[in-house]
Amino acid sequence: MARFGSEYFQILHGEERHVGELTPTGGVAQRGTAFLRTDESTCGRGTGDLTGFLAQEIQALNPTIEELMFDKDLPVGIGEKVTLIVVEDGGEIAVEGEPDVEEYDEETLGLLVTTGTGAITAATAVGTDLSVVDGLWRVAQKGDRVKGILRSQMTPWVADTNIRILIELQRGGVVVA
C-alpha cells in the first residue's frame, strides 16, 4: 500500500481515509497541514481539535503545465475544494519543520512550531504531549487539547537543521491541566 505524504509529512502507520471535499478558508497551506472542519462545507487551519490533514497543497496560482503533466497529486488554488485525510487513534505520522518557526507563515515550510511557546526541538523528550495550533504541531500548553504524543526524534529528510519527529495520534485527547 502506498503511504500518503510529502517531504514534510508522512502517514507511517494506520489506515488513512478521506473525510470529504471541503472548501478551505485562508490562504496557501502545505500538504499535511492539520485542518478543522468549520461547518458542513468548509475547513481551515486547525487549533484544538482537528478533522484531518490536507491531501493536497493549496497554492495561490492554479497548477502549472509541469504539475499537470508530472504530478500525481496536484495542488489546488485558493478557494478550490480540498480533500482531508484522517488516521484513526494510534496511527503514526512523521512531521518535519524548519528551525525558528513560531507560528504559521505562508513563506515557511514545515508543520512544526520550533521556537517560542510550545517549541519542538531536538531536545524535546519522547512521551511529550502535543497539540495543534493554526495547523502546526507544538508541545501542548495549559488549556490545549492533546492530539498526539511525541514517540521519537527522527533524522530530517529535507535539511539537516530541520526537526523531524514521529507522532502517535490521539483522537479526542484530553485538556492539559
C-alpha atoms as a PDB file:
ATOM      1  CA  MET A   1       0.000   0.000   0.000  1.00  0.00           C
ATOM      2  CA  ALA A   2       1.306   3.457  -0.880  1.00  0.00           C
ATOM      3  CA  ARG A   3       1.660   5.824   2.056  1.00  0.00           C
ATOM      4  CA  PHE A   4       0.227   9.314   1.936  1.00  0.00           C
ATOM      5  CA  GLY A   5       2.546  12.258   2.359  1.00  0.00           C
ATOM      6  CA  SER A   6       5.153  14.732   1.230  1.00  0.00           C
ATOM      7  CA  GLU A   7       8.724  15.584   2.282  1.00  0.00           C
ATOM      8  CA  TYR A   8       7.408  17.258   5.441  1.00  0.00           C
ATOM      9  CA  PHE A   9       4.612  14.830   6.329  1.00  0.00           C
ATOM     10  CA  GLN A  10       4.043  11.085   6.067  1.00  0.00           C
ATOM     11  CA  ILE A  11       1.486   8.688   7.474  1.00  0.00           C
ATOM     12  CA  LEU A  12       3.672   5.781   8.586  1.00  0.00           C
ATOM     13  CA  HIS A  13       1.226   3.512  10.430  1.00  0.00           C
ATOM     14  CA  GLY A  14      -2.545   3.359  10.286  1.00  0.00           C
ATOM     15  CA  GLU A  15      -5.148   3.397   7.581  1.00  0.00           C
ATOM     16  CA  GLU A  16      -5.905   6.747   6.032  1.00  0.00           C
ATOM     17  CA  ARG A  17      -9.390   7.566   4.833  1.00  0.00           C
ATOM     18  CA  HIS A  18     -10.903  10.557   3.087  1.00  0.00           C
ATOM     19  CA  VAL A  19     -13.131  12.840   5.152  1.00  0.00           C
ATOM     20  CA  GLY A  20     -14.608  14.527   2.078  1.00  0.00           C
ATOM     21  CA  GLU A  21     -14.176  17.548  -0.131  1.00  0.00           C
ATOM     22  CA  LEU A  22     -14.363  20.862   1.676  1.00  0.00           C
ATOM     23  CA  THR A  23     -13.684  24.485   0.736  1.00  0.00           C
ATOM     24  CA  PRO A  24     -10.724  25.816   2.747  1.00  0.00           C
ATOM     25  CA  THR A  25     -10.721  29.217   4.375  1.00  0.00           C
ATOM     26  CA  GLY A  26      -7.498  31.224   4.440  1.00  0.00           C
ATOM     27  CA  GLY A  27      -4.587  31.238   2.042  1.00  0.00           C
ATOM     28  CA  VAL A  28      -1.911  28.803   0.947  1.00  0.00           C
ATOM     29  CA  ALA A  29      -1.148  25.693   3.001  1.00  0.00           C
ATOM     30  CA  GLN A  30       1.125  22.680   2.745  1.00  0.00           C
ATOM     31  CA  ARG A  31       0.044  19.140   2.188  1.00  0.00           C
ATOM     32  CA  GLY A  32      -0.285  17.505   5.617  1.00  0.00           C
ATOM     33  CA  THR A  33      -1.350  20.701   7.435  1.00  0.00           C
ATOM     34  CA  ALA A  34      -3.795  19.900  10.247  1.00  0.00           C
ATOM     35  CA  PHE A  35      -7.245  21.225   9.313  1.00  0.00           C
ATOM     36  CA  LEU A  36     -10.505  21.533  11.217  1.00  0.00           C
ATOM     37  CA  ARG A  37     -13.953  21.279   9.644  1.00  0.00           C
ATOM     38  CA  THR A  38     -15.618  24.640  10.375  1.00  0.00           C
ATOM     39  CA  ASP A  39     -19.074  23.698   9.070  1.00  0.00           C
ATOM     40  CA  GLU A  40     -20.594  21.221   6.625  1.00  0.00           C
ATOM     41  CA  SER A  41     -18.753  22.600   3.598  1.00  0.00           C
ATOM     42  CA  THR A  42     -15.650  24.494   4.819  1.00  0.00           C
ATOM     43  CA  CYS A  43     -12.418  23.852   6.718  1.00  0.00           C
ATOM     44  CA  GLY A  44      -9.478  25.888   7.996  1.00  0.00           C
ATOM     45  CA  ARG A  45      -6.116  25.502   9.722  1.00  0.00           C
ATOM     46  CA  GLY A  46      -6.963  23.724  12.955  1.00  0.00           C
ATOM     47  CA  THR A  47      -6.491  24.762  16.569  1.00  0.00           C
ATOM     48  CA  GLY A  48      -7.558  22.390  19.323  1.00  0.00           C
ATOM     49  CA  ASP A  49      -9.421  19.596  17.610  1.00  0.00           C
ATOM     50  CA  LEU A  50      -8.525  18.540  14.099  1.00  0.00           C
ATOM     51  CA  THR A  51     -10.593  16.898  11.419  1.00  0.00           C
ATOM     52  CA  GLY A  52      -7.727  15.694   9.253  1.00  0.00           C
ATOM     53  CA  PHE A  53      -4.722  16.576   7.148  1.00  0.00           C
ATOM     54  CA  LEU A  54      -4.695  18.304   3.765  1.00  0.00           C
ATOM     55  CA  ALA A  55      -4.384  15.782   0.951  1.00  0.00           C
ATOM     56  CA  GLN A  56      -3.289  18.499  -1.497  1.00  0.00           C
ATOM     57  CA  GLU A  57      -1.172  21.609  -1.274  1.00  0.00           C
ATOM     58  CA  ILE A  58      -3.140  24.849  -1.518  1.00  0.00           C
ATOM     59  CA  GLN A  59      -1.273  27.398  -3.637  1.00  0.00           C
ATOM     60  CA  ALA A  60      -2.005  30.932  -4.807  1.00  0.00           C
ATOM     61  CA  LEU A  61      -1.935  30.048  -8.508  1.00  0.00           C
ATOM     62  CA  ASN A  62      -3.543  27.250 -10.490  1.00  0.00           C
ATOM     63  CA  PRO A  63      -1.278  24.257 -11.256  1.00  0.00           C
ATOM     64  CA  THR A  64       1.460  24.818 -13.828  1.00  0.00           C
ATOM     65  CA  ILE A  65       1.670  22.770 -17.019  1.00  0.00           C
ATOM     66  CA  GLU A  66       4.564  20.818 -15.445  1.00  0.00           C
ATOM     67  CA  GLU A  67       2.447  19.987 -12.391  1.00  0.00           C
ATOM     68  CA  LEU A  68      -0.438  18.934 -14.614  1.00  0.00           C
ATOM     69  CA  MET A  69       1.815  16.661 -16.668  1.00  0.00           C
ATOM     70  CA  PHE A  70       4.047  15.126 -13.991  1.00  0.00           C
ATOM     71  CA  ASP A  71       2.495  15.418 -10.526  1.00  0.00           C
ATOM     72  CA  LYS A  72       0.292  12.598  -9.330  1.00  0.00           C
ATOM     73  CA  ASP A  73      -1.203  14.700  -6.533  1.00  0.00           C
ATOM     74  CA  LEU A  74      -1.999  18.117  -7.973  1.00  0.00           C
ATOM     75  CA  PRO A  75      -2.106  21.220  -5.814  1.00  0.00           C
ATOM     76  CA  VAL A  76      -5.290  23.273  -5.763  1.00  0.00           C
ATOM     77  CA  GLY A  77      -5.785  27.028  -5.941  1.00  0.00           C
ATOM     78  CA  ILE A  78      -7.025  29.131  -3.028  1.00  0.00           C
ATOM     79  CA  GLY A  79     -10.768  28.655  -2.587  1.00  0.00           C
ATOM     80  CA  GLU A  80     -10.932  25.373  -4.520  1.00  0.00           C
ATOM     81  CA  LYS A  81     -12.226  22.267  -2.754  1.00  0.00           C
ATOM     82  CA  VAL A  82      -9.668  20.064  -0.970  1.00  0.00           C
ATOM     83  CA  THR A  83      -9.748  16.563   0.466  1.00  0.00           C
ATOM     84  CA  LEU A  84      -8.892  15.898   4.098  1.00  0.00           C
ATOM     85  CA  ILE A  85      -7.265  12.631   5.169  1.00  0.00           C
ATOM     86  CA  VAL A  86      -7.843  11.221   8.638  1.00  0.00           C
ATOM     87  CA  VAL A  87      -5.988   8.478  10.510  1.00  0.00           C
ATOM     88  CA  GLU A  88      -7.535   6.648  13.463  1.00  0.00           C
ATOM     89  CA  ASP A  89      -6.250   6.670  17.067  1.00  0.00           C
ATOM     90  CA  GLY A  90      -2.861   5.057  17.425  1.00  0.00           C
ATOM     91  CA  GLY A  91      -1.810   5.925  13.870  1.00  0.00           C
ATOM     92  CA  GLU A  92       1.682   7.362  13.497  1.00  0.00           C
ATOM     93  CA  ILE A  93       2.846  10.271  11.382  1.00  0.00           C
ATOM     94  CA  ALA A  94       6.280  11.738  10.668  1.00  0.00           C
ATOM     95  CA  VAL A  95       6.319  15.537  10.666  1.00  0.00           C
ATOM     96  CA  GLU A  96       9.196  17.881   9.804  1.00  0.00           C
ATOM     97  CA  GLY A  97       9.674  21.602  10.342  1.00  0.00           C
ATOM     98  CA  GLU A  98      12.217  24.305   9.631  1.00  0.00           C
ATOM     99  CA  PRO A  99      14.048  25.998  12.523  1.00  0.00           C
ATOM    100  CA  ASP A 100      12.772  29.253  14.054  1.00  0.00           C
ATOM    101  CA  VAL A 101       9.058  28.779  13.271  1.00  0.00           C
ATOM    102  CA  GLU A 102       6.868  30.374  15.930  1.00  0.00           C
ATOM    103  CA  GLU A 103       3.562  30.472  14.076  1.00  0.00           C
ATOM    104  CA  TYR A 104       2.026  29.738  10.697  1.00  0.00           C
ATOM    105  CA  ASP A 105       3.596  31.746   7.877  1.00  0.00           C
ATOM    106  CA  GLU A 106       2.848  31.198   4.176  1.00  0.00           C
ATOM    107  CA  GLU A 107       6.556  31.514   3.328  1.00  0.00           C
ATOM    108  CA  THR A 108       7.840  28.913   5.818  1.00  0.00           C
ATOM    109  CA  LEU A 109       7.798  25.210   5.053  1.00  0.00           C
ATOM    110  CA  GLY A 110       7.176  22.571   7.661  1.00  0.00           C
ATOM    111  CA  LEU A 111       4.443  21.688  10.089  1.00  0.00           C
ATOM    112  CA  LEU A 112       6.052  22.238  13.498  1.00  0.00           C
ATOM    113  CA  VAL A 113       6.424  25.142  15.918  1.00  0.00           C
ATOM    114  CA  THR A 114      10.198  25.164  16.508  1.00  0.00           C
ATOM    115  CA  THR A 115      10.718  28.350  18.536  1.00  0.00           C
ATOM    116  CA  GLY A 116       8.775  30.318  21.143  1.00  0.00           C
ATOM    117  CA  THR A 117       5.761  28.954  23.050  1.00  0.00           C
ATOM    118  CA  GLY A 118       5.446  25.204  22.583  1.00  0.00           C
ATOM    119  CA  ALA A 119       8.645  24.850  20.551  1.00  0.00           C
ATOM    120  CA  ILE A 120       9.526  21.330  19.464  1.00  0.00           C
ATOM    121  CA  THR A 121      13.307  20.957  19.368  1.00  0.00           C
ATOM    122  CA  ALA A 122      15.814  18.117  19.035  1.00  0.00           C
ATOM    123  CA  ALA A 123      15.819  18.024  22.857  1.00  0.00           C
ATOM    124  CA  THR A 124      12.030  17.599  23.266  1.00  0.00           C
ATOM    125  CA  ALA A 125      11.510  14.393  25.241  1.00  0.00           C
ATOM    126  CA  VAL A 126       9.864  11.231  23.974  1.00  0.00           C
ATOM    127  CA  GLY A 127       6.411  10.949  25.581  1.00  0.00           C
ATOM    128  CA  THR A 128       5.722  14.700  25.396  1.00  0.00           C
ATOM    129  CA  ASP A 129       2.065  15.614  24.784  1.00  0.00           C
ATOM    130  CA  LEU A 130       1.478  17.572  21.564  1.00  0.00           C
ATOM    131  CA  SER A 131      -1.305  19.859  20.384  1.00  0.00           C
ATOM    132  CA  VAL A 132      -2.173  21.686  17.172  1.00  0.00           C
ATOM    133  CA  VAL A 133      -2.332  25.481  16.840  1.00  0.00           C
ATOM    134  CA  ASP A 134      -3.184  27.087  13.495  1.00  0.00           C
ATOM    135  CA  GLY A 135      -2.374  23.830  11.700  1.00  0.00           C
ATOM    136  CA  LEU A 136       1.094  23.388  13.283  1.00  0.00           C
ATOM    137  CA  TRP A 137       2.143  20.814  15.896  1.00  0.00           C
ATOM    138  CA  ARG A 138       3.624  22.108  19.169  1.00  0.00           C
ATOM    139  CA  VAL A 139       4.292  20.967  22.750  1.00  0.00           C
ATOM    140  CA  ALA A 140       0.894  21.068  24.485  1.00  0.00           C
ATOM    141  CA  GLN A 141       0.397  24.064  26.765  1.00  0.00           C
ATOM    142  CA  LYS A 142      -2.051  24.636  29.623  1.00  0.00           C
ATOM    143  CA  GLY A 143      -5.540  24.709  28.095  1.00  0.00           C
ATOM    144  CA  ASP A 144      -4.536  22.931  24.853  1.00  0.00           C
ATOM    145  CA  ARG A 145      -6.247  19.758  23.670  1.00  0.00           C
ATOM    146  CA  VAL A 146      -3.709  16.937  23.364  1.00  0.00           C
ATOM    147  CA  LYS A 147      -3.841  15.434  19.845  1.00  0.00           C
ATOM    148  CA  GLY A 148      -0.670  13.354  19.824  1.00  0.00           C
ATOM    149  CA  ILE A 149       2.370  12.089  21.700  1.00  0.00           C
ATOM    150  CA  LEU A 150       5.975  12.506  20.555  1.00  0.00           C
ATOM    151  CA  ARG A 151       7.225   8.930  20.068  1.00  0.00           C
ATOM    152  CA  SER A 152      10.729   9.600  18.717  1.00  0.00           C
ATOM    153  CA  GLN A 153      13.102  12.125  17.238  1.00  0.00           C
ATOM    154  CA  MET A 154      13.915  11.283  13.607  1.00  0.00           C
ATOM    155  CA  THR A 155      16.609  12.192  11.094  1.00  0.00           C
ATOM    156  CA  PRO A 156      15.355  15.144   8.984  1.00  0.00           C
ATOM    157  CA  TRP A 157      14.765  14.457   5.284  1.00  0.00           C
ATOM    158  CA  VAL A 158      14.722  17.972   3.860  1.00  0.00           C
ATOM    159  CA  ALA A 159      17.554  19.770   5.678  1.00  0.00           C
ATOM    160  CA  ASP A 160      19.946  18.789   8.488  1.00  0.00           C
ATOM    161  CA  THR A 161      18.897  21.854  10.519  1.00  0.00           C
ATOM    162  CA  ASN A 162      15.207  20.852  10.497  1.00  0.00           C
ATOM    163  CA  ILE A 163      13.395  18.977  13.253  1.00  0.00           C
ATOM    164  CA  ARG A 164      11.586  15.740  12.341  1.00  0.00           C
ATOM    165  CA  ILE A 165       9.515  13.744  14.825  1.00  0.00           C
ATOM    166  CA  LEU A 166       7.282  10.685  14.993  1.00  0.00           C
ATOM    167  CA  ILE A 167       3.827  11.434  16.453  1.00  0.00           C
ATOM    168  CA  GLU A 168       1.298   8.882  17.691  1.00  0.00           C
ATOM    169  CA  LEU A 169      -2.134  10.377  17.040  1.00  0.00           C
ATOM    170  CA  GLN A 170      -4.704  10.651  19.834  1.00  0.00           C
ATOM    171  CA  ARG A 171      -8.247  11.468  18.730  1.00  0.00           C
ATOM    172  CA  GLY A 172     -10.381  13.013  21.427  1.00  0.00           C
ATOM    173  CA  GLY A 173      -7.372  13.789  23.574  1.00  0.00           C
ATOM    174  CA  VAL A 174      -7.581  15.495  26.950  1.00  0.00           C
ATOM    175  CA  VAL A 175      -7.221  19.093  28.006  1.00  0.00           C
ATOM    176  CA  VAL A 176      -3.824  19.752  29.585  1.00  0.00           C
ATOM    177  CA  ALA A 177      -4.309  20.933  33.180  1.00  0.00           C
END
